[in-house]
PDB file of N, CA and C in Angstrom:
ATOM      1  N   MET A   1       0.828  -1.198   0.000  1.00  0.00           N
ATOM      2  CA  MET A   1       0.000   0.000   0.000  1.00  0.00           C
ATOM      3  C   MET A   1       0.870   1.259   0.000  1.00  0.00           C
ATOM      4  N   ILE A   2       1.854   1.301   0.878  1.00  0.00           N
ATOM      5  CA  ILE A   2       2.699   2.484   0.954  1.00  0.00           C
ATOM      6  C   ILE A   2       3.532   2.636  -0.307  1.00  0.00           C
ATOM      7  N   ASP A   3       3.881   1.521  -0.943  1.00  0.00           N
ATOM      8  CA  ASP A   3       4.641   1.605  -2.192  1.00  0.00           C
ATOM      9  C   ASP A   3       3.825   2.281  -3.284  1.00  0.00           C
ATOM     10  N   ASN A   4       2.556   1.935  -3.371  1.00  0.00           N
ATOM     11  CA  ASN A   4       1.693   2.570  -4.372  1.00  0.00           C
ATOM     12  C   ASN A   4       1.535   4.056  -4.085  1.00  0.00           C
ATOM     13  N   PHE A   5       1.442   4.404  -2.807  1.00  0.00           N
ATOM     14  CA  PHE A   5       1.326   5.813  -2.438  1.00  0.00           C
ATOM     15  C   PHE A   5       2.592   6.570  -2.820  1.00  0.00           C
ATOM     16  N   ALA A   6       3.748   6.005  -2.536  1.00  0.00           N
ATOM     17  CA  ALA A   6       5.017   6.657  -2.856  1.00  0.00           C
ATOM     18  C   ALA A   6       5.173   6.816  -4.367  1.00  0.00           C
ATOM     19  N   LEU A   7       4.821   5.802  -5.123  1.00  0.00           N
ATOM     20  CA  LEU A   7       4.897   5.892  -6.580  1.00  0.00           C
ATOM     21  C   LEU A   7       3.940   6.952  -7.119  1.00  0.00           C
ATOM     22  N   GLY A   8       2.721   6.938  -6.615  1.00  0.00           N
ATOM     23  CA  GLY A   8       1.731   7.915  -7.060  1.00  0.00           C
ATOM     24  C   GLY A   8       2.137   9.336  -6.719  1.00  0.00           C
ATOM     25  N   LEU A   9       2.652   9.535  -5.514  1.00  0.00           N
ATOM     26  CA  LEU A   9       3.067  10.863  -5.094  1.00  0.00           C
ATOM     27  C   LEU A   9       4.244  11.370  -5.931  1.00  0.00           C
ATOM     28  N   SER A  10       5.245  10.543  -6.115  1.00  0.00           N
ATOM     29  CA  SER A  10       6.415  10.991  -6.882  1.00  0.00           C
ATOM     30  C   SER A  10       6.058  11.272  -8.338  1.00  0.00           C
ATOM     31  N   HIS A  11       5.248  10.414  -8.938  1.00  0.00           N
ATOM     32  CA  HIS A  11       4.852  10.634 -10.331  1.00  0.00           C
ATOM     33  C   HIS A  11       3.920  11.841 -10.455  1.00  0.00           C
ATOM     34  N   GLY A  12       3.083  12.040  -9.478  1.00  0.00           N
ATOM     35  CA  GLY A  12       2.206  13.205  -9.484  1.00  0.00           C
ATOM     36  C   GLY A  12       2.994  14.504  -9.408  1.00  0.00           C
ATOM     37  N   LEU A  13       4.032  14.522  -8.574  1.00  0.00           N
ATOM     38  CA  LEU A  13       4.866  15.718  -8.462  1.00  0.00           C
ATOM     39  C   LEU A  13       5.660  15.962  -9.744  1.00  0.00           C
ATOM     40  N   MET A  14       6.129  14.887 -10.371  1.00  0.00           N
ATOM     41  CA  MET A  14       6.836  15.058 -11.648  1.00  0.00           C
ATOM     42  C   MET A  14       5.890  15.574 -12.726  1.00  0.00           C
ATOM     43  N   LEU A  15       4.668  15.099 -12.741  1.00  0.00           N
ATOM     44  CA  LEU A  15       3.671  15.577 -13.695  1.00  0.00           C
ATOM     45  C   LEU A  15       3.363  17.046 -13.457  1.00  0.00           C
ATOM     46  N   LEU A  16       3.219  17.434 -12.205  1.00  0.00           N
ATOM     47  CA  LEU A  16       2.981  18.838 -11.870  1.00  0.00           C
ATOM     48  C   LEU A  16       4.144  19.712 -12.338  1.00  0.00           C
ATOM     49  N   ALA A  17       5.364  19.270 -12.108  1.00  0.00           N
ATOM     50  CA  ALA A  17       6.541  20.031 -12.542  1.00  0.00           C
ATOM     51  C   ALA A  17       6.571  20.166 -14.061  1.00  0.00           C
ATOM     52  N   ALA A  18       6.251  19.094 -14.780  1.00  0.00           N
ATOM     53  CA  ALA A  18       6.244  19.145 -16.246  1.00  0.00           C
ATOM     54  C   ALA A  18       5.175  20.104 -16.758  1.00  0.00           C
ATOM     55  N   ILE A  19       4.011  20.080 -16.150  1.00  0.00           N
ATOM     56  CA  ILE A  19       2.934  20.978 -16.575  1.00  0.00           C
ATOM     57  C   ILE A  19       3.323  22.428 -16.336  1.00  0.00           C
ATOM     58  N   LEU A  20       3.898  22.706 -15.166  1.00  0.00           N
ATOM     59  CA  LEU A  20       4.300  24.082 -14.867  1.00  0.00           C
ATOM     60  C   LEU A  20       5.404  24.553 -15.801  1.00  0.00           C
ATOM     61  N   LEU A  21       6.326  23.678 -16.153  1.00  0.00           N
ATOM     62  CA  LEU A  21       7.391  24.055 -17.079  1.00  0.00           C
ATOM     63  C   LEU A  21       6.847  24.306 -18.482  1.00  0.00           C
ATOM     64  N   LEU A  22       5.908  23.485 -18.915  1.00  0.00           N
ATOM     65  CA  LEU A  22       5.353  23.643 -20.259  1.00  0.00           C
ATOM     66  C   LEU A  22       4.456  24.867 -20.384  1.00  0.00           C
ATOM     67  N   ARG A  23       3.944  25.381 -19.272  1.00  0.00           N
ATOM     68  CA  ARG A  23       3.077  26.557 -19.311  1.00  0.00           C
ATOM     69  C   ARG A  23       3.859  27.861 -19.327  1.00  0.00           C
ATOM     70  N   ARG A  24       5.174  27.806 -19.181  1.00  0.00           N
ATOM     71  CA  ARG A  24       5.980  29.031 -19.164  1.00  0.00           C
ATOM     72  C   ARG A  24       5.879  29.753 -20.503  1.00  0.00           C
ATOM     73  N   ARG A  25       5.701  31.053 -20.458  1.00  0.00           N
ATOM     74  CA  ARG A  25       5.563  31.849 -21.670  1.00  0.00           C
ATOM     75  C   ARG A  25       6.880  31.947 -22.433  1.00  0.00           C
ATOM     76  N   ASP A  26       7.995  31.956 -21.733  1.00  0.00           N
ATOM     77  CA  ASP A  26       9.277  32.127 -22.408  1.00  0.00           C
ATOM     78  C   ASP A  26       9.873  30.816 -22.901  1.00  0.00           C
ATOM     79  N   LEU A  27       9.115  29.741 -22.860  1.00  0.00           N
ATOM     80  CA  LEU A  27       9.625  28.438 -23.265  1.00  0.00           C
ATOM     81  C   LEU A  27       9.956  28.403 -24.756  1.00  0.00           C
ATOM     82  N   ASP A  28       9.092  28.950 -25.584  1.00  0.00           N
ATOM     83  CA  ASP A  28       9.287  28.899 -27.034  1.00  0.00           C
ATOM     84  C   ASP A  28       9.788  30.217 -27.612  1.00  0.00           C
ATOM     85  N   ARG A  29      10.216  31.122 -26.786  1.00  0.00           N
ATOM     86  CA  ARG A  29      10.625  32.445 -27.268  1.00  0.00           C
ATOM     87  C   ARG A  29      12.144  32.508 -27.355  1.00  0.00           C
ATOM     88  N   GLU A  30      12.626  32.784 -28.541  1.00  0.00           N
ATOM     89  CA  GLU A  30      14.059  32.983 -28.754  1.00  0.00           C
ATOM     90  C   GLU A  30      14.368  34.457 -28.514  1.00  0.00           C
ATOM     91  N   PRO A  31      15.380  34.773 -27.723  1.00  0.00           N
ATOM     92  CA  PRO A  31      15.713  36.186 -27.522  1.00  0.00           C
ATOM     93  C   PRO A  31      16.274  36.790 -28.803  1.00  0.00           C
ATOM     94  N   SER A  32      15.834  37.990 -29.113  1.00  0.00           N
ATOM     95  CA  SER A  32      16.334  38.670 -30.310  1.00  0.00           C
ATOM     96  C   SER A  32      17.720  39.232 -30.028  1.00  0.00           C
ATOM     97  N   ARG A  33      18.381  39.708 -31.059  1.00  0.00           N
ATOM     98  CA  ARG A  33      19.710  40.309 -30.875  1.00  0.00           C
ATOM     99  C   ARG A  33      19.626  41.524 -29.964  1.00  0.00           C
ATOM    100  N   ARG A  34      18.545  42.296 -30.119  1.00  0.00           N
ATOM    101  CA  ARG A  34      18.364  43.488 -29.287  1.00  0.00           C
ATOM    102  C   ARG A  34      18.239  43.090 -27.812  1.00  0.00           C
ATOM    103  N   ASP A  35      17.479  42.030 -27.536  1.00  0.00           N
ATOM    104  CA  ASP A  35      17.320  41.567 -26.156  1.00  0.00           C
ATOM    105  C   ASP A  35      18.659  41.125 -25.578  1.00  0.00           C
ATOM    106  N   ARG A  36      19.451  40.426 -26.382  1.00  0.00           N
ATOM    107  CA  ARG A  36      20.757  39.957 -25.904  1.00  0.00           C
ATOM    108  C   ARG A  36      21.697  41.126 -25.648  1.00  0.00           C
ATOM    109  N   LYS A  37      21.663  42.127 -26.527  1.00  0.00           N
ATOM    110  CA  LYS A  37      22.530  43.298 -26.345  1.00  0.00           C
ATOM    111  C   LYS A  37      22.140  44.055 -25.083  1.00  0.00           C
ATOM    112  N   GLN A  38      20.837  44.204 -24.833  1.00  0.00           N
ATOM    113  CA  GLN A  38      20.393  44.892 -23.628  1.00  0.00           C
ATOM    114  C   GLN A  38      20.802  44.122 -22.384  1.00  0.00           C
ATOM    115  N   ARG A  39      20.673  42.822 -22.415  1.00  0.00           N
ATOM    116  CA  ARG A  39      21.032  41.994 -21.269  1.00  0.00           C
ATOM    117  C   ARG A  39      22.533  42.078 -21.017  1.00  0.00           C
ATOM    118  N   ASP A  40      23.326  42.038 -22.093  1.00  0.00           N
ATOM    119  CA  ASP A  40      24.776  42.130 -21.941  1.00  0.00           C
ATOM    120  C   ASP A  40      25.187  43.499 -21.420  1.00  0.00           C
ATOM    121  N   ALA A  41      24.529  44.565 -21.881  1.00  0.00           N
ATOM    122  CA  ALA A  41      24.855  45.918 -21.432  1.00  0.00           C
ATOM    123  C   ALA A  41      24.511  46.101 -19.953  1.00  0.00           C
ATOM    124  N   GLU A  42      23.425  45.487 -19.511  1.00  0.00           N
ATOM    125  CA  GLU A  42      23.031  45.605 -18.108  1.00  0.00           C
ATOM    126  C   GLU A  42      23.974  44.820 -17.203  1.00  0.00           C
ATOM    127  N   GLY A  43      24.482  43.704 -17.691  1.00  0.00           N
ATOM    128  CA  GLY A  43      25.355  42.861 -16.890  1.00  0.00           C
ATOM    129  C   GLY A  43      26.772  43.391 -16.788  1.00  0.00           C
ATOM    130  N   ALA A  44      27.181  44.198 -17.748  1.00  0.00           N
ATOM    131  CA  ALA A  44      28.582  44.691 -17.771  1.00  0.00           C
ATOM    132  C   ALA A  44      28.780  45.903 -16.909  1.00  0.00           C
TER     133      ALA A  44
END
């Protein structure tokens, strides 16, 4: 019984993490050259 609970809990948490990662808006966005230049200028 506890083994099934542990398996279900761990897989449920991995599923939750995958869903949250896939919902990120910046997942499919490639930074433009302008964005990279601004980021580099701010970091320097």
